[in-house]
Amino acid sequence: MNITLKRYLYVVNGFIILLVLGIGYAWSVFVGPLENHYGWGRAQTSLAFTILMISFALGNLMTGILSRKIPHKRIVQISSVAMGGGMFLTSMVSSIQLLYFTYSIAVGLSIGMVYNAVVSITPRWFPEKQGTITGVLLMAYALSASILGPVCQFMLARIGVPFTFVTLAIIDFLVLFVGSFNLVAPTTKQKELLPQAAARKKNEGIKTEINHWQMLRSKEFYIYFILTVFFISIALSYLNHVVPALENDLLLSAETAALVVSAMSISNGLARPVFGVFYDKTGLTLSLTTLSFIYIFATWTTYFGLWSRTTSLMIIGACGVLFGFGGQGALMPTITRNLFGEKNFSMNFSIVSLVGIVGSVGPSIIGIIQAAHGNYQLAYLMLAIATVIPAILIQLLLFFIKRRK
């Protein structure tokens, strides 16, 4: 098969895999039916999602470790069994503790393992536009809840909770297992036939292959890790608190708030290929600077919308933050490659991805501030002020990168 056609087929394969994986973000679709079916409370079902996100990060790390011993396609095959099995066992759970094991842990670990594998391997076929391909792949992951969420809602209403999870178990297993056979890295000979990256992009990185121990001893890692924690904390705070802010502070209906969340989800998904292309065209410096500007503009727009009770500003700002969140998600794998190299990417990226666990504290802090003041004005002001810190850290990161050349 022609190598050009082959590599685009690999992208389609990765896109479908990540589309299925993203169903973990559609947890809200399952919450109501599960609570009604089993009589569980909201605190119990909320904890299930928290454990899943932690498991996702740990699964990402597991792929980084395992990839040094076994091929990525084998990791995906193992994950296909674990994810399909976890979904199937979820259909038979009798207690919330079992759900934590079958869904939150088994499915969460599988999602993280496969996510790392796809992002590690597929962009290698496109050295001339890795940012673009990464963005396209992650768009599938981000939009999965919007695309597959209604399908799951339909199944839950028609066939009930147990049979819905059985159906998902079969689909997940088949898509991941079959897709694993097309998750292969290019050989040395194939690499020679591929278009090469532009010299501009090559020269922006640190230029050397760095393993995870060397990465953990570098200033660049900690600066990039901390600034990414701020971006993720801010975005997750919006995801968790925009609806109550719209309903309680601006007195919007639940239906209108739900439409805003949908618009935010679309912004998140569309930002990923946009930032991927932007990175390939402009490079690391302008991409990170633009990302910082979007966060600053969007958070302050949201705050002024809340302060002035201008709903349109609030919505524009919230969508802007999620656009930045999508851009950050697309940039993280490519910047990790750019800063620390391709050879040890899977392990390095799994460590960088732990920002998700650290960043998850943001929503809790915002919740505490809101509870203390009775409204969200101070909380959203603090989020806007917080965007100054990653802006400063980006300039510090660029300074150290230039100094190491």
Foldseek 3Di string as FASTA:
>chain_A
DDLVVLLVVLLVLLQVLLLLLLCLVLLVLVVVQVCVVQVDDPVLSVVLSVLLQVLLLVLLLVLLVCCVPDPLLVLLLVLLCLQLQLLLVCLVDNDSVSVSVSPSNSSSSSSNSNVLLSLLASLLLAQAQSLLSLLSSVLSSLCSSVVCVVVLNVCCVPPNDSVSSNVSSVVSSVSSNVSSVSRDHDDPVSSVVGDHHDPVQLVQALNDAAAQVRLVVDPLLVLVLVLVLLLLLLLVLLLVCVQVQCCPQLVDDSVVSVVLNVLLSNLLSVLRSVLSVVCSVPNDLVSLLVLLVLQLCLLVLLLVCSVVSPVVSVSSSSSSSSNSVSSSSSVLLVVLCRHNNSPSSSNSSSVSVCSNVSSVCSNVVQVVVCVVVVHNNVSSVVSSVSSVSSNVSSVVSSVVSVVSD
